[in-house]
Amino acid sequence: MSGTNELLAVFAALSDETRFAIVNRLLDDGELPVGAIAAPFSVTPPAISRHLRVLETAGLVERRIDRQRRMIRVRPEALDIIGDWLGQRITILPDRPSAPTRPLAMHA
């Protein structure tokens, strides 16, 4: 996958509120079993599995088997892709006022 395609896959995966929350939880708590990841969400186990599959396909998370539990963790390399992209953009941005000159659009 090219750098652009990898970045687009990561952003697409994070565009869902549940997947975004899963990644945030893993960043806060570290590696977790699938059951612990699913606990705070009011979605079915198959839905959590689908969300995890999307995150895994995008390269954001990886799984391993620990005895009989599936453990999930964030792949640091995926965060590097976002960080590198942002770092490149920040260095080329012109000086700008501290507040936007026009309001940013909010999505409902």
PDB file of N, CA and C in Angstrom:
ATOM      1  N   MET A   1       0.852  -1.172   0.000  1.00  0.00           N
ATOM      2  CA  MET A   1       0.000   0.000   0.000  1.00  0.00           C
ATOM      3  C   MET A   1       0.899   1.237   0.000  1.00  0.00           C
ATOM      4  N   SER A   2       0.554   2.221  -0.793  1.00  0.00           N
ATOM      5  CA  SER A   2       1.365   3.442  -0.824  1.00  0.00           C
ATOM      6  C   SER A   2       1.108   4.267   0.427  1.00  0.00           C
ATOM      7  N   GLY A   3       1.980   5.237   0.683  1.00  0.00           N
ATOM      8  CA  GLY A   3       1.820   6.091   1.854  1.00  0.00           C
ATOM      9  C   GLY A   3       0.477   6.794   1.886  1.00  0.00           C
ATOM     10  N   THR A   4       0.044   7.299   0.725  1.00  0.00           N
ATOM     11  CA  THR A   4      -1.247   7.984   0.667  1.00  0.00           C
ATOM     12  C   THR A   4      -2.377   7.012   0.952  1.00  0.00           C
ATOM     13  N   ASN A   5      -2.323   5.832   0.358  1.00  0.00           N
ATOM     14  CA  ASN A   5      -3.382   4.850   0.586  1.00  0.00           C
ATOM     15  C   ASN A   5      -3.416   4.388   2.037  1.00  0.00           C
ATOM     16  N   GLU A   6      -2.246   4.215   2.641  1.00  0.00           N
ATOM     17  CA  GLU A   6      -2.194   3.840   4.060  1.00  0.00           C
ATOM     18  C   GLU A   6      -2.834   4.915   4.924  1.00  0.00           C
ATOM     19  N   LEU A   7      -2.501   6.155   4.641  1.00  0.00           N
ATOM     20  CA  LEU A   7      -3.049   7.270   5.407  1.00  0.00           C
ATOM     21  C   LEU A   7      -4.561   7.348   5.246  1.00  0.00           C
ATOM     22  N   LEU A   8      -5.046   7.199   4.023  1.00  0.00           N
ATOM     23  CA  LEU A   8      -6.488   7.228   3.779  1.00  0.00           C
ATOM     24  C   LEU A   8      -7.191   6.081   4.493  1.00  0.00           C
ATOM     25  N   ALA A   9      -6.586   4.898   4.503  1.00  0.00           N
ATOM     26  CA  ALA A   9      -7.179   3.752   5.196  1.00  0.00           C
ATOM     27  C   ALA A   9      -7.262   4.010   6.699  1.00  0.00           C
ATOM     28  N   VAL A  10      -6.225   4.613   7.258  1.00  0.00           N
ATOM     29  CA  VAL A  10      -6.217   4.933   8.689  1.00  0.00           C
ATOM     30  C   VAL A  10      -7.312   5.948   9.012  1.00  0.00           C
ATOM     31  N   PHE A  11      -7.391   7.015   8.234  1.00  0.00           N
ATOM     32  CA  PHE A  11      -8.424   8.029   8.490  1.00  0.00           C
ATOM     33  C   PHE A  11      -9.824   7.465   8.286  1.00  0.00           C
ATOM     34  N   ALA A  12     -10.013   6.626   7.275  1.00  0.00           N
ATOM     35  CA  ALA A  12     -11.327   6.012   7.040  1.00  0.00           C
ATOM     36  C   ALA A  12     -11.719   5.139   8.229  1.00  0.00           C
ATOM     37  N   ALA A  13     -10.770   4.364   8.739  1.00  0.00           N
ATOM     38  CA  ALA A  13     -11.057   3.504   9.885  1.00  0.00           C
ATOM     39  C   ALA A  13     -11.398   4.327  11.124  1.00  0.00           C
ATOM     40  N   LEU A  14     -10.715   5.443  11.310  1.00  0.00           N
ATOM     41  CA  LEU A  14     -10.955   6.286  12.489  1.00  0.00           C
ATOM     42  C   LEU A  14     -12.174   7.184  12.348  1.00  0.00           C
ATOM     43  N   SER A  15     -12.787   7.219  11.170  1.00  0.00           N
ATOM     44  CA  SER A  15     -13.926   8.114  10.954  1.00  0.00           C
ATOM     45  C   SER A  15     -15.195   7.620  11.643  1.00  0.00           C
ATOM     46  N   ASP A  16     -15.202   6.382  12.093  1.00  0.00           N
ATOM     47  CA  ASP A  16     -16.348   5.842  12.824  1.00  0.00           C
ATOM     48  C   ASP A  16     -16.150   6.090  14.319  1.00  0.00           C
ATOM     49  N   GLU A  17     -17.186   6.577  14.977  1.00  0.00           N
ATOM     50  CA  GLU A  17     -17.083   6.951  16.396  1.00  0.00           C
ATOM     51  C   GLU A  17     -16.675   5.767  17.281  1.00  0.00           C
ATOM     52  N   THR A  18     -17.244   4.603  17.034  1.00  0.00           N
ATOM     53  CA  THR A  18     -16.908   3.432  17.853  1.00  0.00           C
ATOM     54  C   THR A  18     -15.460   3.017  17.643  1.00  0.00           C
ATOM     55  N   ARG A  19     -15.017   2.975  16.392  1.00  0.00           N
ATOM     56  CA  ARG A  19     -13.622   2.592  16.133  1.00  0.00           C
ATOM     57  C   ARG A  19     -12.654   3.616  16.715  1.00  0.00           C
ATOM     58  N   PHE A  20     -13.004   4.892  16.614  1.00  0.00           N
ATOM     59  CA  PHE A  20     -12.173   5.945  17.202  1.00  0.00           C
ATOM     60  C   PHE A  20     -12.062   5.735  18.716  1.00  0.00           C
ATOM     61  N   ALA A  21     -13.196   5.420  19.355  1.00  0.00           N
ATOM     62  CA  ALA A  21     -13.205   5.191  20.806  1.00  0.00           C
ATOM     63  C   ALA A  21     -12.397   3.943  21.172  1.00  0.00           C
ATOM     64  N   ILE A  22     -12.468   2.910  20.345  1.00  0.00           N
ATOM     65  CA  ILE A  22     -11.686   1.693  20.599  1.00  0.00           C
ATOM     66  C   ILE A  22     -10.195   2.016  20.572  1.00  0.00           C
ATOM     67  N   VAL A  23      -9.761   2.748  19.562  1.00  0.00           N
ATOM     68  CA  VAL A  23      -8.339   3.100  19.459  1.00  0.00           C
ATOM     69  C   VAL A  23      -7.922   3.965  20.644  1.00  0.00           C
ATOM     70  N   ASN A  24      -8.749   4.936  21.024  1.00  0.00           N
ATOM     71  CA  ASN A  24      -8.432   5.770  22.195  1.00  0.00           C
ATOM     72  C   ASN A  24      -8.315   4.925  23.453  1.00  0.00           C
ATOM     73  N   ARG A  25      -9.218   3.974  23.619  1.00  0.00           N
ATOM     74  CA  ARG A  25      -9.162   3.107  24.802  1.00  0.00           C
ATOM     75  C   ARG A  25      -7.872   2.294  24.808  1.00  0.00           C
ATOM     76  N   LEU A  26      -7.506   1.756  23.651  1.00  0.00           N
ATOM     77  CA  LEU A  26      -6.266   0.976  23.575  1.00  0.00           C
ATOM     78  C   LEU A  26      -5.040   1.852  23.825  1.00  0.00           C
ATOM     79  N   LEU A  27      -5.083   3.089  23.368  1.00  0.00           N
ATOM     80  CA  LEU A  27      -3.966   4.002  23.629  1.00  0.00           C
ATOM     81  C   LEU A  27      -3.857   4.314  25.119  1.00  0.00           C
ATOM     82  N   ASP A  28      -5.003   4.461  25.788  1.00  0.00           N
ATOM     83  CA  ASP A  28      -5.006   4.761  27.223  1.00  0.00           C
ATOM     84  C   ASP A  28      -4.618   3.548  28.069  1.00  0.00           C
ATOM     85  N   ASP A  29      -5.170   2.378  27.714  1.00  0.00           N
ATOM     86  CA  ASP A  29      -5.039   1.197  28.568  1.00  0.00           C
ATOM     87  C   ASP A  29      -4.016   0.179  28.088  1.00  0.00           C
ATOM     88  N   GLY A  30      -3.513   0.343  26.883  1.00  0.00           N
ATOM     89  CA  GLY A  30      -2.578  -0.643  26.343  1.00  0.00           C
ATOM     90  C   GLY A  30      -3.310  -1.848  25.779  1.00  0.00           C
ATOM     91  N   GLU A  31      -2.588  -2.932  25.634  1.00  0.00           N
ATOM     92  CA  GLU A  31      -3.153  -4.154  25.061  1.00  0.00           C
ATOM     93  C   GLU A  31      -4.293  -4.678  25.929  1.00  0.00           C
ATOM     94  N   LEU A  32      -5.399  -5.066  25.277  1.00  0.00           N
ATOM     95  CA  LEU A  32      -6.570  -5.563  25.999  1.00  0.00           C
ATOM     96  C   LEU A  32      -7.149  -6.784  25.298  1.00  0.00           C
ATOM     97  N   PRO A  33      -7.814  -7.663  26.079  1.00  0.00           N
ATOM     98  CA  PRO A  33      -8.557  -8.746  25.438  1.00  0.00           C
ATOM     99  C   PRO A  33      -9.805  -8.182  24.762  1.00  0.00           C
ATOM    100  N   VAL A  34     -10.274  -8.878  23.744  1.00  0.00           N
ATOM    101  CA  VAL A  34     -11.428  -8.396  22.982  1.00  0.00           C
ATOM    102  C   VAL A  34     -12.622  -8.137  23.896  1.00  0.00           C
ATOM    103  N   GLY A  35     -12.868  -9.013  24.853  1.00  0.00           N
ATOM    104  CA  GLY A  35     -14.005  -8.834  25.759  1.00  0.00           C
ATOM    105  C   GLY A  35     -13.939  -7.532  26.533  1.00  0.00           C
ATOM    106  N   ALA A  36     -12.754  -7.151  26.973  1.00  0.00           N
ATOM    107  CA  ALA A  36     -12.591  -5.892  27.708  1.00  0.00           C
ATOM    108  C   ALA A  36     -12.791  -4.692  26.793  1.00  0.00           C
ATOM    109  N   ILE A  37     -12.405  -4.837  25.535  1.00  0.00           N
ATOM    110  CA  ILE A  37     -12.610  -3.746  24.578  1.00  0.00           C
ATOM    111  C   ILE A  37     -14.099  -3.548  24.345  1.00  0.00           C
ATOM    112  N   ALA A  38     -14.834  -4.648  24.239  1.00  0.00           N
ATOM    113  CA  ALA A  38     -16.259  -4.588  23.913  1.00  0.00           C
ATOM    114  C   ALA A  38     -17.112  -4.089  25.076  1.00  0.00           C
ATOM    115  N   ALA A  39     -16.661  -4.295  26.312  1.00  0.00           N
ATOM    116  CA  ALA A  39     -17.484  -4.036  27.496  1.00  0.00           C
ATOM    117  C   ALA A  39     -18.164  -2.668  27.537  1.00  0.00           C
ATOM    118  N   PRO A  40     -17.477  -1.546  27.282  1.00  0.00           N
ATOM    119  CA  PRO A  40     -18.148  -0.256  27.441  1.00  0.00           C
ATOM    120  C   PRO A  40     -19.092   0.130  26.296  1.00  0.00           C
ATOM    121  N   PHE A  41     -19.142  -0.674  25.246  1.00  0.00           N
ATOM    122  CA  PHE A  41     -19.946  -0.308  24.084  1.00  0.00           C
ATOM    123  C   PHE A  41     -21.252  -1.089  24.065  1.00  0.00           C
ATOM    124  N   SER A  42     -22.306  -0.431  23.662  1.00  0.00           N
ATOM    125  CA  SER A  42     -23.607  -1.094  23.578  1.00  0.00           C
ATOM    126  C   SER A  42     -23.827  -1.619  22.158  1.00  0.00           C
ATOM    127  N   VAL A  43     -22.883  -2.424  21.705  1.00  0.00           N
ATOM    128  CA  VAL A  43     -22.996  -3.059  20.396  1.00  0.00           C
ATOM    129  C   VAL A  43     -22.774  -4.557  20.575  1.00  0.00           C
ATOM    130  N   THR A  44     -23.222  -5.324  19.618  1.00  0.00           N
ATOM    131  CA  THR A  44     -23.126  -6.778  19.700  1.00  0.00           C
ATOM    132  C   THR A  44     -21.679  -7.241  19.513  1.00  0.00           C
ATOM    133  N   PRO A  45     -21.357  -8.422  20.022  1.00  0.00           N
ATOM    134  CA  PRO A  45     -20.008  -8.959  19.787  1.00  0.00           C
ATOM    135  C   PRO A  45     -19.643  -9.050  18.298  1.00  0.00           C
ATOM    136  N   PRO A  46     -20.577  -9.465  17.418  1.00  0.00           N
ATOM    137  CA  PRO A  46     -20.206  -9.464  15.995  1.00  0.00           C
ATOM    138  C   PRO A  46     -19.872  -8.059  15.472  1.00  0.00           C
ATOM    139  N   ALA A  47     -20.560  -7.040  15.986  1.00  0.00           N
ATOM    140  CA  ALA A  47     -20.266  -5.663  15.553  1.00  0.00           C
ATOM    141  C   ALA A  47     -18.872  -5.250  16.016  1.00  0.00           C
ATOM    142  N   ILE A  48     -18.508  -5.594  17.246  1.00  0.00           N
ATOM    143  CA  ILE A  48     -17.156  -5.289  17.736  1.00  0.00           C
ATOM    144  C   ILE A  48     -16.126  -6.007  16.875  1.00  0.00           C
ATOM    145  N   SER A  49     -16.395  -7.257  16.526  1.00  0.00           N
ATOM    146  CA  SER A  49     -15.470  -8.003  15.663  1.00  0.00           C
ATOM    147  C   SER A  49     -15.304  -7.317  14.319  1.00  0.00           C
ATOM    148  N   ARG A  50     -16.396  -6.802  13.757  1.00  0.00           N
ATOM    149  CA  ARG A  50     -16.302  -6.085  12.476  1.00  0.00           C
ATOM    150  C   ARG A  50     -15.472  -4.819  12.630  1.00  0.00           C
ATOM    151  N   HIS A  51     -15.699  -4.070  13.710  1.00  0.00           N
ATOM    152  CA  HIS A  51     -14.915  -2.850  13.951  1.00  0.00           C
ATOM    153  C   HIS A  51     -13.428  -3.185  14.089  1.00  0.00           C
ATOM    154  N   LEU A  52     -13.123  -4.226  14.838  1.00  0.00           N
ATOM    155  CA  LEU A  52     -11.724  -4.622  15.013  1.00  0.00           C
ATOM    156  C   LEU A  52     -11.107  -5.075  13.693  1.00  0.00           C
ATOM    157  N   ARG A  53     -11.894  -5.751  12.866  1.00  0.00           N
ATOM    158  CA  ARG A  53     -11.391  -6.185  11.559  1.00  0.00           C
ATOM    159  C   ARG A  53     -11.060  -4.983  10.676  1.00  0.00           C
ATOM    160  N   VAL A  54     -11.913  -3.944  10.707  1.00  0.00           N
ATOM    161  CA  VAL A  54     -11.635  -2.719   9.937  1.00  0.00           C
ATOM    162  C   VAL A  54     -10.351  -2.070  10.441  1.00  0.00           C
ATOM    163  N   LEU A  55     -10.202  -1.973  11.756  1.00  0.00           N
ATOM    164  CA  LEU A  55      -8.998  -1.371  12.337  1.00  0.00           C
ATOM    165  C   LEU A  55      -7.755  -2.191  11.997  1.00  0.00           C
ATOM    166  N   GLU A  56      -7.905  -3.503  11.996  1.00  0.00           N
ATOM    167  CA  GLU A  56      -6.769  -4.368  11.671  1.00  0.00           C
ATOM    168  C   GLU A  56      -6.410  -4.250  10.187  1.00  0.00           C
ATOM    169  N   THR A  57      -7.404  -4.227   9.322  1.00  0.00           N
ATOM    170  CA  THR A  57      -7.160  -4.088   7.883  1.00  0.00           C
ATOM    171  C   THR A  57      -6.468  -2.769   7.572  1.00  0.00           C
ATOM    172  N   ALA A  58      -6.834  -1.713   8.306  1.00  0.00           N
ATOM    173  CA  ALA A  58      -6.204  -0.401   8.114  1.00  0.00           C
ATOM    174  C   ALA A  58      -4.802  -0.354   8.713  1.00  0.00           C
ATOM    175  N   GLY A  59      -4.434  -1.390   9.451  1.00  0.00           N
ATOM    176  CA  GLY A  59      -3.105  -1.432  10.049  1.00  0.00           C
ATOM    177  C   GLY A  59      -3.003  -0.699  11.373  1.00  0.00           C
ATOM    178  N   LEU A  60      -4.141  -0.313  11.947  1.00  0.00           N
ATOM    179  CA  LEU A  60      -4.120   0.424  13.212  1.00  0.00           C
ATOM    180  C   LEU A  60      -3.908  -0.470  14.427  1.00  0.00           C
ATOM    181  N   VAL A  61      -4.436  -1.675  14.375  1.00  0.00           N
ATOM    182  CA  VAL A  61      -4.295  -2.588  15.510  1.00  0.00           C
ATOM    183  C   VAL A  61      -3.778  -3.930  15.015  1.00  0.00           C
ATOM    184  N   GLU A  62      -3.273  -4.697  15.969  1.00  0.00           N
ATOM    185  CA  GLU A  62      -2.873  -6.068  15.667  1.00  0.00           C
ATOM    186  C   GLU A  62      -3.341  -6.957  16.797  1.00  0.00           C
ATOM    187  N   ARG A  63      -3.508  -8.215  16.478  1.00  0.00           N
ATOM    188  CA  ARG A  63      -3.985  -9.163  17.489  1.00  0.00           C
ATOM    189  C   ARG A  63      -2.960 -10.263  17.699  1.00  0.00           C
ATOM    190  N   ARG A  64      -3.030 -10.835  18.868  1.00  0.00           N
ATOM    191  CA  ARG A  64      -2.234 -12.019  19.163  1.00  0.00           C
ATOM    192  C   ARG A  64      -3.065 -12.890  20.088  1.00  0.00           C
ATOM    193  N   ILE A  65      -2.756 -14.151  20.092  1.00  0.00           N
ATOM    194  CA  ILE A  65      -3.466 -15.094  20.955  1.00  0.00           C
ATOM    195  C   ILE A  65      -2.624 -15.320  22.206  1.00  0.00           C
ATOM    196  N   ASP A  66      -3.241 -15.094  23.370  1.00  0.00           N
ATOM    197  CA  ASP A  66      -2.591 -15.332  24.660  1.00  0.00           C
ATOM    198  C   ASP A  66      -3.406 -16.412  25.366  1.00  0.00           C
ATOM    199  N   ARG A  67      -2.895 -17.606  25.348  1.00  0.00           N
ATOM    200  CA  ARG A  67      -3.626 -18.786  25.812  1.00  0.00           C
ATOM    201  C   ARG A  67      -4.885 -18.905  24.960  1.00  0.00           C
ATOM    202  N   GLN A  68      -6.044 -18.595  25.520  1.00  0.00           N
ATOM    203  CA  GLN A  68      -7.273 -18.697  24.726  1.00  0.00           C
ATOM    204  C   GLN A  68      -7.910 -17.334  24.479  1.00  0.00           C
ATOM    205  N   ARG A  69      -7.222 -16.269  24.844  1.00  0.00           N
ATOM    206  CA  ARG A  69      -7.792 -14.926  24.659  1.00  0.00           C
ATOM    207  C   ARG A  69      -7.151 -14.240  23.469  1.00  0.00           C
ATOM    208  N   ARG A  70      -7.987 -13.515  22.718  1.00  0.00           N
ATOM    209  CA  ARG A  70      -7.460 -12.680  21.641  1.00  0.00           C
ATOM    210  C   ARG A  70      -7.129 -11.319  22.233  1.00  0.00           C
ATOM    211  N   MET A  71      -5.875 -10.934  22.142  1.00  0.00           N
ATOM    212  CA  MET A  71      -5.403  -9.662  22.669  1.00  0.00           C
ATOM    213  C   MET A  71      -5.229  -8.690  21.508  1.00  0.00           C
ATOM    214  N   ILE A  72      -5.626  -7.433  21.728  1.00  0.00           N
ATOM    215  CA  ILE A  72      -5.556  -6.405  20.690  1.00  0.00           C
ATOM    216  C   ILE A  72      -4.714  -5.247  21.213  1.00  0.00           C
ATOM    217  N   ARG A  73      -3.869  -4.715  20.344  1.00  0.00           N
ATOM    218  CA  ARG A  73      -3.092  -3.527  20.708  1.00  0.00           C
ATOM    219  C   ARG A  73      -2.962  -2.624  19.495  1.00  0.00           C
ATOM    220  N   VAL A  74      -2.698  -1.351  19.752  1.00  0.00           N
ATOM    221  CA  VAL A  74      -2.453  -0.387  18.681  1.00  0.00           C
ATOM    222  C   VAL A  74      -1.057  -0.638  18.127  1.00  0.00           C
ATOM    223  N   ARG A  75      -0.929  -0.573  16.818  1.00  0.00           N
ATOM    224  CA  ARG A  75       0.380  -0.680  16.166  1.00  0.00           C
ATOM    225  C   ARG A  75       1.016   0.710  16.157  1.00  0.00           C
ATOM    226  N   PRO A  76       2.132   0.909  16.844  1.00  0.00           N
ATOM    227  CA  PRO A  76       2.777   2.221  16.867  1.00  0.00           C
ATOM    228  C   PRO A  76       3.126   2.730  15.470  1.00  0.00           C
ATOM    229  N   GLU A  77       3.415   1.816  14.550  1.00  0.00           N
ATOM    230  CA  GLU A  77       3.760   2.223  13.186  1.00  0.00           C
ATOM    231  C   GLU A  77       2.609   2.964  12.516  1.00  0.00           C
ATOM    232  N   ALA A  78       1.379   2.586  12.849  1.00  0.00           N
ATOM    233  CA  ALA A  78       0.216   3.267  12.264  1.00  0.00           C
ATOM    234  C   ALA A  78       0.145   4.709  12.752  1.00  0.00           C
ATOM    235  N   LEU A  79       0.471   4.919  14.009  1.00  0.00           N
ATOM    236  CA  LEU A  79       0.467   6.282  14.541  1.00  0.00           C
ATOM    237  C   LEU A  79       1.600   7.094  13.932  1.00  0.00           C
ATOM    238  N   ASP A  80       2.708   6.428  13.617  1.00  0.00           N
ATOM    239  CA  ASP A  80       3.818   7.116  12.950  1.00  0.00           C
ATOM    240  C   ASP A  80       3.388   7.663  11.597  1.00  0.00           C
ATOM    241  N   ILE A  81       2.552   6.916  10.879  1.00  0.00           N
ATOM    242  CA  ILE A  81       2.072   7.367   9.567  1.00  0.00           C
ATOM    243  C   ILE A  81       1.342   8.699   9.708  1.00  0.00           C
ATOM    244  N   ILE A  82       0.460   8.789  10.714  1.00  0.00           N
ATOM    245  CA  ILE A  82      -0.290  10.031  10.942  1.00  0.00           C
ATOM    246  C   ILE A  82       0.657  11.130  11.402  1.00  0.00           C
ATOM    247  N   GLY A  83       1.526  10.808  12.353  1.00  0.00           N
ATOM    248  CA  GLY A  83       2.461  11.805  12.879  1.00  0.00           C
ATOM    249  C   GLY A  83       3.392  12.355  11.816  1.00  0.00           C
ATOM    250  N   ASP A  84       3.899  11.475  10.966  1.00  0.00           N
ATOM    251  CA  ASP A  84       4.789  11.928   9.888  1.00  0.00           C
ATOM    252  C   ASP A  84       4.056  12.859   8.933  1.00  0.00           C
ATOM    253  N   TRP A  85       2.832  12.480   8.577  1.00  0.00           N
ATOM    254  CA  TRP A  85       2.041  13.300   7.652  1.00  0.00           C
ATOM    255  C   TRP A  85       1.767  14.679   8.266  1.00  0.00           C
ATOM    256  N   LEU A  86       1.337  14.693   9.530  1.00  0.00           N
ATOM    257  CA  LEU A  86       1.076  15.976  10.193  1.00  0.00           C
ATOM    258  C   LEU A  86       2.349  16.798  10.322  1.00  0.00           C
ATOM    259  N   GLY A  87       3.444  16.143  10.670  1.00  0.00           N
ATOM    260  CA  GLY A  87       4.712  16.852  10.810  1.00  0.00           C
ATOM    261  C   GLY A  87       5.138  17.528   9.524  1.00  0.00           C
ATOM    262  N   GLN A  88       4.939  16.859   8.408  1.00  0.00           N
ATOM    263  CA  GLN A  88       5.280  17.454   7.115  1.00  0.00           C
ATOM    264  C   GLN A  88       4.394  18.654   6.818  1.00  0.00           C
ATOM    265  N   ARG A  89       3.135  18.566   7.172  1.00  0.00           N
ATOM    266  CA  ARG A  89       2.193  19.651   6.880  1.00  0.00           C
ATOM    267  C   ARG A  89       2.429  20.862   7.776  1.00  0.00           C
ATOM    268  N   ILE A  90       2.741  20.627   9.013  1.00  0.00           N
ATOM    269  CA  ILE A  90       2.941  21.733   9.952  1.00  0.00           C
ATOM    270  C   ILE A  90       4.146  22.564   9.548  1.00  0.00           C
ATOM    271  N   THR A  91       5.186  21.922   9.058  1.00  0.00           N
ATOM    272  CA  THR A  91       6.390  22.676   8.699  1.00  0.00           C
ATOM    273  C   THR A  91       6.200  23.523   7.450  1.00  0.00           C
ATOM    274  N   ILE A  92       5.205  23.201   6.616  1.00  0.00           N
ATOM    275  CA  ILE A  92       5.015  23.987   5.393  1.00  0.00           C
ATOM    276  C   ILE A  92       3.886  24.999   5.505  1.00  0.00           C
ATOM    277  N   LEU A  93       3.177  25.003   6.640  1.00  0.00           N
ATOM    278  CA  LEU A  93       2.088  25.965   6.810  1.00  0.00           C
ATOM    279  C   LEU A  93       2.656  27.365   7.003  1.00  0.00           C
ATOM    280  N   PRO A  94       2.056  28.348   6.344  1.00  0.00           N
ATOM    281  CA  PRO A  94       2.509  29.720   6.574  1.00  0.00           C
ATOM    282  C   PRO A  94       2.092  30.174   7.969  1.00  0.00           C
ATOM    283  N   ASP A  95       2.721  31.241   8.436  1.00  0.00           N
ATOM    284  CA  ASP A  95       2.283  31.796   9.717  1.00  0.00           C
ATOM    285  C   ASP A  95       0.808  32.121   9.606  1.00  0.00           C
ATOM    286  N   ARG A  96       0.090  31.867  10.660  1.00  0.00           N
ATOM    287  CA  ARG A  96      -1.355  32.086  10.623  1.00  0.00           C
ATOM    288  C   ARG A  96      -1.805  32.648  11.957  1.00  0.00           C
ATOM    289  N   PRO A  97      -2.951  33.321  11.955  1.00  0.00           N
ATOM    290  CA  PRO A  97      -3.464  33.835  13.228  1.00  0.00           C
ATOM    291  C   PRO A  97      -3.783  32.672  14.164  1.00  0.00           C
ATOM    292  N   SER A  98      -3.829  32.958  15.446  1.00  0.00           N
ATOM    293  CA  SER A  98      -4.065  31.893  16.412  1.00  0.00           C
ATOM    294  C   SER A  98      -5.482  31.342  16.328  1.00  0.00           C
ATOM    295  N   ALA A  99      -6.414  32.110  15.797  1.00  0.00           N
ATOM    296  CA  ALA A  99      -7.791  31.646  15.635  1.00  0.00           C
ATOM    297  C   ALA A  99      -8.139  31.676  14.154  1.00  0.00           C
ATOM    298  N   PRO A 100      -8.978  30.736  13.705  1.00  0.00           N
ATOM    299  CA  PRO A 100      -9.374  30.757  12.301  1.00  0.00           C
ATOM    300  C   PRO A 100     -10.109  32.044  11.956  1.00  0.00           C
ATOM    301  N   THR A 101      -9.955  32.488  10.713  1.00  0.00           N
ATOM    302  CA  THR A 101     -10.631  33.717  10.295  1.00  0.00           C
ATOM    303  C   THR A 101     -12.094  33.478  10.001  1.00  0.00           C
ATOM    304  N   ARG A 102     -12.461  32.229   9.780  1.00  0.00           N
ATOM    305  CA  ARG A 102     -13.872  31.903   9.591  1.00  0.00           C
ATOM    306  C   ARG A 102     -14.166  30.634  10.386  1.00  0.00           C
ATOM    307  N   PRO A 103     -15.400  30.481  10.838  1.00  0.00           N
ATOM    308  CA  PRO A 103     -15.719  29.305  11.648  1.00  0.00           C
ATOM    309  C   PRO A 103     -15.535  28.020  10.849  1.00  0.00           C
ATOM    310  N   LEU A 104     -15.100  26.991  11.538  1.00  0.00           N
ATOM    311  CA  LEU A 104     -14.972  25.687  10.911  1.00  0.00           C
ATOM    312  C   LEU A 104     -16.340  25.030  10.851  1.00  0.00           C
ATOM    313  N   ALA A 105     -16.614  24.306   9.788  1.00  0.00           N
ATOM    314  CA  ALA A 105     -17.893  23.615   9.653  1.00  0.00           C
ATOM    315  C   ALA A 105     -17.961  22.480  10.666  1.00  0.00           C
ATOM    316  N   MET A 106     -19.103  22.321  11.272  1.00  0.00           N
ATOM    317  CA  MET A 106     -19.318  21.234  12.219  1.00  0.00           C
ATOM    318  C   MET A 106     -20.203  20.196  11.553  1.00  0.00           C
ATOM    319  N   HIS A 107     -19.877  18.937  11.744  1.00  0.00           N
ATOM    320  CA  HIS A 107     -20.692  17.857  11.191  1.00  0.00           C
ATOM    321  C   HIS A 107     -21.664  17.388  12.255  1.00  0.00           C
ATOM    322  N   ALA A 108     -22.863  17.144  11.832  1.00  0.00           N
ATOM    323  CA  ALA A 108     -23.883  16.668  12.774  1.00  0.00           C
ATOM    324  C   ALA A 108     -23.770  15.193  12.988  1.00  0.00           C
TER     325      ALA A 108
END
